[in-house]
Amino acid sequence: MENMNININYQKELDSLIKKLIKNEEAPNLLLHSCCAPCSSYVLEYLSNYFNITIFYYNPNIYPKEEYLKRVEEQKIFISELKTKYEVKFIEGKYDSESFYNIAKGLELEKEGGERCFKCYELRLCEAALIAKEGNYDYFTTTLSISPYKNAKKLNEIGEKLSNEYGIKYLYSDFKKKNGYKRSIELSEEYNLYRQDYCGCVFSKNEREKV
């Protein structure tokens, strides 16, 4: 995709790709980075009709570790309970919180949604691209764009950059479209999912507690 400075309808791009995929006999393999079970709920319900999905749970930003363990367990449970056309597999990345603090250095006072978050997007997507490349996946993407607080344009720009660097296709997306975020809330209630009240890192936690 060219010229990321113009406004692009990423959902339209995804719709166009899916129309082409439907004509194929075999579903492509997708490595889907997931930030949490609630955000993955609609994305899995939607994309599992067209892709063989492996959830890649890599979120070294989550603080404290007890919260990380709670979220990763919720992700596993949801995958086991959700009925899908194609089997959904699961890979857990390393919980290397030091890597997050390294990229956040100097940006600790940034508001949520700023440069620190963009660095965090790139950290997680970079690892997803690497795993997708090593595993010979057809595509990689992330659930992050489902959140109304996440910058879909920035996520797709990072995804495209990494796609070029690693030689693996990035699945353009803006999962909040088509009422995706609303559907994720409905699915969270249906499956009684734990919905955290802060994004994940200690900085977002502190910001939330000040409200």
C-alpha atoms as a PDB file:
ATOM      1  CA  MET A   1       0.000   0.000   0.000  1.00  0.00           C
ATOM      2  CA  GLU A   2       1.392   3.399  -0.937  1.00  0.00           C
ATOM      3  CA  ASN A   3       1.242   6.919   0.510  1.00  0.00           C
ATOM      4  CA  MET A   4       0.266   6.432   4.139  1.00  0.00           C
ATOM      5  CA  ASN A   5      -0.249  10.221   4.496  1.00  0.00           C
ATOM      6  CA  ILE A   6      -3.712  10.047   2.950  1.00  0.00           C
ATOM      7  CA  ASN A   7      -6.737   8.770   4.825  1.00  0.00           C
ATOM      8  CA  ILE A   8      -7.141   5.085   4.073  1.00  0.00           C
ATOM      9  CA  ASN A   9     -10.174   2.950   4.843  1.00  0.00           C
ATOM     10  CA  TYR A  10      -8.390  -0.080   6.270  1.00  0.00           C
ATOM     11  CA  GLN A  11     -11.636  -1.993   6.729  1.00  0.00           C
ATOM     12  CA  LYS A  12     -12.319  -1.577   3.019  1.00  0.00           C
ATOM     13  CA  GLU A  13      -8.841  -2.946   2.281  1.00  0.00           C
ATOM     14  CA  LEU A  14      -9.570  -5.968   4.469  1.00  0.00           C
ATOM     15  CA  ASP A  15     -12.994  -6.517   2.892  1.00  0.00           C
ATOM     16  CA  SER A  16     -11.386  -6.501  -0.544  1.00  0.00           C
ATOM     17  CA  LEU A  17      -8.795  -9.077   0.491  1.00  0.00           C
ATOM     18  CA  ILE A  18     -11.376 -11.359   2.093  1.00  0.00           C
ATOM     19  CA  LYS A  19     -13.423 -11.378  -1.126  1.00  0.00           C
ATOM     20  CA  LYS A  20     -10.360 -12.731  -2.904  1.00  0.00           C
ATOM     21  CA  LEU A  21      -9.599 -15.278  -0.180  1.00  0.00           C
ATOM     22  CA  ILE A  22     -13.097 -16.751  -0.326  1.00  0.00           C
ATOM     23  CA  LYS A  23     -12.313 -18.000  -3.830  1.00  0.00           C
ATOM     24  CA  ASN A  24      -9.363 -20.051  -2.558  1.00  0.00           C
ATOM     25  CA  GLU A  25      -9.777 -23.647  -1.418  1.00  0.00           C
ATOM     26  CA  GLU A  26      -7.332 -23.322   1.480  1.00  0.00           C
ATOM     27  CA  ALA A  27      -7.458 -20.697   4.205  1.00  0.00           C
ATOM     28  CA  PRO A  28      -4.215 -18.736   4.680  1.00  0.00           C
ATOM     29  CA  ASN A  29      -2.311 -18.841   7.960  1.00  0.00           C
ATOM     30  CA  LEU A  30      -2.505 -15.717  10.094  1.00  0.00           C
ATOM     31  CA  LEU A  31      -0.410 -14.861  13.141  1.00  0.00           C
ATOM     32  CA  LEU A  32      -2.660 -12.592  15.184  1.00  0.00           C
ATOM     33  CA  HIS A  33      -1.015 -10.604  17.948  1.00  0.00           C
ATOM     34  CA  SER A  34      -3.527 -10.244  20.759  1.00  0.00           C
ATOM     35  CA  CYS A  35      -3.408  -7.671  23.529  1.00  0.00           C
ATOM     36  CA  CYS A  36      -6.129  -9.360  25.609  1.00  0.00           C
ATOM     37  CA  ALA A  37      -9.062 -11.766  25.407  1.00  0.00           C
ATOM     38  CA  PRO A  38     -11.803  -9.082  25.174  1.00  0.00           C
ATOM     39  CA  CYS A  39     -10.095  -7.306  22.267  1.00  0.00           C
ATOM     40  CA  SER A  40      -9.489 -10.621  20.516  1.00  0.00           C
ATOM     41  CA  SER A  41     -13.111 -11.750  20.891  1.00  0.00           C
ATOM     42  CA  TYR A  42     -14.660 -10.012  17.889  1.00  0.00           C
ATOM     43  CA  VAL A  43     -11.494 -10.296  15.806  1.00  0.00           C
ATOM     44  CA  LEU A  44     -11.442 -14.073  16.260  1.00  0.00           C
ATOM     45  CA  GLU A  45     -15.160 -14.412  15.613  1.00  0.00           C
ATOM     46  CA  TYR A  46     -14.717 -12.397  12.416  1.00  0.00           C
ATOM     47  CA  LEU A  47     -11.418 -13.600  10.956  1.00  0.00           C
ATOM     48  CA  SER A  48     -11.653 -17.277  11.907  1.00  0.00           C
ATOM     49  CA  ASN A  49     -14.124 -17.703   9.044  1.00  0.00           C
ATOM     50  CA  TYR A  50     -11.358 -16.926   6.556  1.00  0.00           C
ATOM     51  CA  PHE A  51      -7.997 -17.719   8.191  1.00  0.00           C
ATOM     52  CA  ASN A  52      -6.203 -20.420  10.116  1.00  0.00           C
ATOM     53  CA  ILE A  53      -5.323 -18.293  13.121  1.00  0.00           C
ATOM     54  CA  THR A  54      -2.593 -18.579  15.707  1.00  0.00           C
ATOM     55  CA  ILE A  55      -2.935 -16.129  18.562  1.00  0.00           C
ATOM     56  CA  PHE A  56       0.426 -14.659  19.543  1.00  0.00           C
ATOM     57  CA  TYR A  57       0.241 -13.304  23.069  1.00  0.00           C
ATOM     58  CA  TYR A  58       3.212 -10.993  23.492  1.00  0.00           C
ATOM     59  CA  ASN A  59       2.610  -8.076  25.850  1.00  0.00           C
ATOM     60  CA  PRO A  60       5.688  -7.234  27.939  1.00  0.00           C
ATOM     61  CA  ASN A  61       4.138  -3.848  28.739  1.00  0.00           C
ATOM     62  CA  ILE A  62       1.578  -5.325  31.126  1.00  0.00           C
ATOM     63  CA  TYR A  63       2.112  -4.421  34.784  1.00  0.00           C
ATOM     64  CA  PRO A  64       2.225  -6.003  37.306  1.00  0.00           C
ATOM     65  CA  LYS A  65       3.165  -9.584  36.424  1.00  0.00           C
ATOM     66  CA  GLU A  66       0.108 -10.886  38.290  1.00  0.00           C
ATOM     67  CA  GLU A  67      -2.050  -8.855  35.911  1.00  0.00           C
ATOM     68  CA  TYR A  68      -0.159 -10.298  32.941  1.00  0.00           C
ATOM     69  CA  LEU A  69      -0.759 -13.851  34.171  1.00  0.00           C
ATOM     70  CA  LYS A  70      -4.447 -13.122  34.712  1.00  0.00           C
ATOM     71  CA  ARG A  71      -4.859 -11.766  31.179  1.00  0.00           C
ATOM     72  CA  VAL A  72      -2.921 -14.531  29.456  1.00  0.00           C
ATOM     73  CA  GLU A  73      -4.981 -17.180  31.243  1.00  0.00           C
ATOM     74  CA  GLU A  74      -8.198 -15.436  30.197  1.00  0.00           C
ATOM     75  CA  GLN A  75      -6.967 -15.507  26.604  1.00  0.00           C
ATOM     76  CA  LYS A  76      -6.360 -19.266  26.731  1.00  0.00           C
ATOM     77  CA  ILE A  77      -9.774 -19.933  28.257  1.00  0.00           C
ATOM     78  CA  PHE A  78     -11.554 -17.833  25.642  1.00  0.00           C
ATOM     79  CA  ILE A  79      -9.826 -19.626  22.771  1.00  0.00           C
ATOM     80  CA  SER A  80     -10.857 -22.978  24.224  1.00  0.00           C
ATOM     81  CA  GLU A  81     -14.500 -21.896  24.539  1.00  0.00           C
ATOM     82  CA  LEU A  82     -15.032 -20.034  21.258  1.00  0.00           C
ATOM     83  CA  LYS A  83     -16.486 -22.132  18.442  1.00  0.00           C
ATOM     84  CA  THR A  84     -14.746 -21.337  15.148  1.00  0.00           C
ATOM     85  CA  LYS A  85     -14.737 -22.650  11.589  1.00  0.00           C
ATOM     86  CA  TYR A  86     -10.988 -23.241  11.753  1.00  0.00           C
ATOM     87  CA  GLU A  87      -9.002 -24.257  14.816  1.00  0.00           C
ATOM     88  CA  VAL A  88      -7.363 -21.388  16.686  1.00  0.00           C
ATOM     89  CA  LYS A  89      -3.885 -22.093  18.040  1.00  0.00           C
ATOM     90  CA  PHE A  90      -1.944 -20.230  20.710  1.00  0.00           C
ATOM     91  CA  ILE A  91       1.645 -19.088  21.206  1.00  0.00           C
ATOM     92  CA  GLU A  92       2.766 -17.196  24.296  1.00  0.00           C
ATOM     93  CA  GLY A  93       5.678 -14.819  23.838  1.00  0.00           C
ATOM     94  CA  LYS A  94       8.285 -14.043  26.455  1.00  0.00           C
ATOM     95  CA  TYR A  95       7.295 -11.736  29.287  1.00  0.00           C
ATOM     96  CA  ASP A  96      10.367  -9.508  28.993  1.00  0.00           C
ATOM     97  CA  SER A  97       9.209  -6.345  30.734  1.00  0.00           C
ATOM     98  CA  GLU A  98      12.703  -4.849  30.468  1.00  0.00           C
ATOM     99  CA  SER A  99      12.246  -4.518  26.698  1.00  0.00           C
ATOM    100  CA  PHE A 100       9.191  -2.342  27.296  1.00  0.00           C
ATOM    101  CA  TYR A 101      10.910  -0.098  29.838  1.00  0.00           C
ATOM    102  CA  ASN A 102      13.821   0.349  27.444  1.00  0.00           C
ATOM    103  CA  ILE A 103      11.599   1.728  24.679  1.00  0.00           C
ATOM    104  CA  ALA A 104       9.572   3.804  27.178  1.00  0.00           C
ATOM    105  CA  LYS A 105      12.655   5.527  28.605  1.00  0.00           C
ATOM    106  CA  GLY A 106      12.258   9.289  28.396  1.00  0.00           C
ATOM    107  CA  LEU A 107       8.572   8.948  27.546  1.00  0.00           C
ATOM    108  CA  GLU A 108       7.280   8.073  30.997  1.00  0.00           C
ATOM    109  CA  LEU A 109       5.212  11.274  31.289  1.00  0.00           C
ATOM    110  CA  GLU A 110       3.591  10.981  27.862  1.00  0.00           C
ATOM    111  CA  LYS A 111      -0.193  10.801  27.873  1.00  0.00           C
ATOM    112  CA  GLU A 112      -1.747   7.509  26.779  1.00  0.00           C
ATOM    113  CA  GLY A 113      -2.088   7.486  23.002  1.00  0.00           C
ATOM    114  CA  GLY A 114       1.171   9.364  22.432  1.00  0.00           C
ATOM    115  CA  GLU A 115       4.704   8.486  21.366  1.00  0.00           C
ATOM    116  CA  ARG A 116       5.241   5.955  24.173  1.00  0.00           C
ATOM    117  CA  CYS A 117       2.244   3.986  22.957  1.00  0.00           C
ATOM    118  CA  PHE A 118       3.519   4.113  19.373  1.00  0.00           C
ATOM    119  CA  LYS A 119       6.845   2.660  20.535  1.00  0.00           C
ATOM    120  CA  CYS A 120       4.909  -0.058  22.356  1.00  0.00           C
ATOM    121  CA  TYR A 121       2.902  -0.866  19.218  1.00  0.00           C
ATOM    122  CA  GLU A 122       6.141  -1.273  17.300  1.00  0.00           C
ATOM    123  CA  LEU A 123       7.772  -3.419  19.977  1.00  0.00           C
ATOM    124  CA  ARG A 124       4.932  -5.926  19.916  1.00  0.00           C
ATOM    125  CA  LEU A 125       4.352  -5.877  16.171  1.00  0.00           C
ATOM    126  CA  CYS A 126       8.065  -6.311  15.505  1.00  0.00           C
ATOM    127  CA  GLU A 127       8.098  -9.492  17.571  1.00  0.00           C
ATOM    128  CA  ALA A 128       4.937 -10.679  15.812  1.00  0.00           C
ATOM    129  CA  ALA A 129       6.532 -10.080  12.404  1.00  0.00           C
ATOM    130  CA  LEU A 130       9.612 -12.033  13.452  1.00  0.00           C
ATOM    131  CA  ILE A 131       7.571 -14.997  14.710  1.00  0.00           C
ATOM    132  CA  ALA A 132       5.377 -14.898  11.592  1.00  0.00           C
ATOM    133  CA  LYS A 133       8.456 -14.916   9.380  1.00  0.00           C
ATOM    134  CA  GLU A 134      10.055 -17.808  11.258  1.00  0.00           C
ATOM    135  CA  GLY A 135       6.797 -19.768  11.207  1.00  0.00           C
ATOM    136  CA  ASN A 136       6.131 -19.203   7.492  1.00  0.00           C
ATOM    137  CA  TYR A 137       2.764 -17.562   8.115  1.00  0.00           C
ATOM    138  CA  ASP A 138       0.998 -15.899   5.209  1.00  0.00           C
ATOM    139  CA  TYR A 139       0.014 -12.798   7.194  1.00  0.00           C
ATOM    140  CA  PHE A 140       0.450 -11.125  10.553  1.00  0.00           C
ATOM    141  CA  THR A 141      -1.634  -8.443  12.263  1.00  0.00           C
ATOM    142  CA  THR A 142      -2.825  -7.292  15.685  1.00  0.00           C
ATOM    143  CA  THR A 143      -6.098  -6.917  17.575  1.00  0.00           C
ATOM    144  CA  LEU A 144      -5.043  -3.492  18.870  1.00  0.00           C
ATOM    145  CA  SER A 145      -7.010  -1.451  16.325  1.00  0.00           C
ATOM    146  CA  ILE A 146     -10.307  -2.596  17.823  1.00  0.00           C
ATOM    147  CA  SER A 147      -9.891  -0.160  20.691  1.00  0.00           C
ATOM    148  CA  PRO A 148     -11.253   3.377  20.200  1.00  0.00           C
ATOM    149  CA  TYR A 149      -8.153   4.519  22.113  1.00  0.00           C
ATOM    150  CA  LYS A 150      -5.691   2.987  19.643  1.00  0.00           C
ATOM    151  CA  ASN A 151      -4.472   4.757  16.512  1.00  0.00           C
ATOM    152  CA  ALA A 152      -5.328   2.464  13.587  1.00  0.00           C
ATOM    153  CA  LYS A 153      -3.426   4.605  11.084  1.00  0.00           C
ATOM    154  CA  LYS A 154      -0.242   4.381  13.138  1.00  0.00           C
ATOM    155  CA  LEU A 155      -0.672   0.639  13.673  1.00  0.00           C
ATOM    156  CA  ASN A 156      -1.051   0.031   9.950  1.00  0.00           C
ATOM    157  CA  GLU A 157       1.918   2.253   9.132  1.00  0.00           C
ATOM    158  CA  ILE A 158       4.074   0.246  11.536  1.00  0.00           C
ATOM    159  CA  GLY A 159       2.678  -3.005  10.154  1.00  0.00           C
ATOM    160  CA  GLU A 160       3.522  -1.986   6.606  1.00  0.00           C
ATOM    161  CA  LYS A 161       7.049  -0.940   7.564  1.00  0.00           C
ATOM    162  CA  LEU A 162       7.685  -4.276   9.273  1.00  0.00           C
ATOM    163  CA  SER A 163       6.115  -6.121   6.355  1.00  0.00           C
ATOM    164  CA  ASN A 164       8.707  -4.578   4.070  1.00  0.00           C
ATOM    165  CA  GLU A 165      11.544  -5.284   6.494  1.00  0.00           C
ATOM    166  CA  TYR A 166      10.679  -8.932   7.142  1.00  0.00           C
ATOM    167  CA  GLY A 167       9.175  -9.846   3.797  1.00  0.00           C
ATOM    168  CA  ILE A 168       5.863 -11.031   5.232  1.00  0.00           C
ATOM    169  CA  LYS A 169       2.415  -9.637   4.456  1.00  0.00           C
ATOM    170  CA  TYR A 170       0.673  -7.440   7.004  1.00  0.00           C
ATOM    171  CA  LEU A 171      -3.108  -7.733   7.230  1.00  0.00           C
ATOM    172  CA  TYR A 172      -4.408  -4.157   7.103  1.00  0.00           C
ATOM    173  CA  SER A 173      -7.244  -3.639   9.530  1.00  0.00           C
ATOM    174  CA  ASP A 174      -9.301  -1.302  11.668  1.00  0.00           C
ATOM    175  CA  PHE A 175     -11.338  -3.710  13.739  1.00  0.00           C
ATOM    176  CA  LYS A 176     -13.344  -1.009  15.514  1.00  0.00           C
ATOM    177  CA  LYS A 177     -15.209  -0.513  12.222  1.00  0.00           C
ATOM    178  CA  LYS A 178     -18.438  -2.462  11.520  1.00  0.00           C
ATOM    179  CA  ASN A 179     -19.277  -2.054  15.229  1.00  0.00           C
ATOM    180  CA  GLY A 180     -16.326  -4.286  16.097  1.00  0.00           C
ATOM    181  CA  TYR A 181     -15.700  -2.655  19.456  1.00  0.00           C
ATOM    182  CA  LYS A 182     -19.382  -2.888  20.373  1.00  0.00           C
ATOM    183  CA  ARG A 183     -19.410  -6.564  19.400  1.00  0.00           C
ATOM    184  CA  SER A 184     -16.324  -7.204  21.533  1.00  0.00           C
ATOM    185  CA  ILE A 185     -18.190  -5.852  24.557  1.00  0.00           C
ATOM    186  CA  GLU A 186     -21.156  -8.123  23.780  1.00  0.00           C
ATOM    187  CA  LEU A 187     -18.886 -11.162  23.451  1.00  0.00           C
ATOM    188  CA  SER A 188     -17.074 -10.244  26.654  1.00  0.00           C
ATOM    189  CA  GLU A 189     -20.387 -10.280  28.480  1.00  0.00           C
ATOM    190  CA  GLU A 190     -21.483 -13.498  26.768  1.00  0.00           C
ATOM    191  CA  TYR A 191     -18.285 -15.316  27.752  1.00  0.00           C
ATOM    192  CA  ASN A 192     -17.946 -13.506  31.081  1.00  0.00           C
ATOM    193  CA  LEU A 193     -14.486 -12.242  30.158  1.00  0.00           C
ATOM    194  CA  TYR A 194     -12.337 -10.220  32.503  1.00  0.00           C
ATOM    195  CA  ARG A 195     -12.194  -6.661  31.118  1.00  0.00           C
ATOM    196  CA  GLN A 196      -9.356  -4.662  32.631  1.00  0.00           C
ATOM    197  CA  ASP A 197      -9.832  -0.935  33.271  1.00  0.00           C
ATOM    198  CA  TYR A 198      -6.408   0.167  32.008  1.00  0.00           C
ATOM    199  CA  CYS A 199      -4.426  -0.659  28.879  1.00  0.00           C
ATOM    200  CA  GLY A 200      -1.607  -2.524  30.558  1.00  0.00           C
ATOM    201  CA  CYS A 201       1.547  -0.625  31.449  1.00  0.00           C
ATOM    202  CA  VAL A 202       2.328   0.981  34.797  1.00  0.00           C
ATOM    203  CA  PHE A 203       2.015   4.432  33.208  1.00  0.00           C
ATOM    204  CA  SER A 204      -1.506   3.802  31.896  1.00  0.00           C
ATOM    205  CA  LYS A 205      -2.399   2.279  35.269  1.00  0.00           C
ATOM    206  CA  ASN A 206      -1.211   5.373  37.118  1.00  0.00           C
ATOM    207  CA  GLU A 207      -3.008   7.658  34.659  1.00  0.00           C
ATOM    208  CA  ARG A 208      -6.223   5.701  35.122  1.00  0.00           C
ATOM    209  CA  GLU A 209      -5.985   5.862  38.916  1.00  0.00           C
ATOM    210  CA  LYS A 210      -5.706   9.664  38.779  1.00  0.00           C
ATOM    211  CA  VAL A 211      -9.090   9.970  37.028  1.00  0.00           C
END
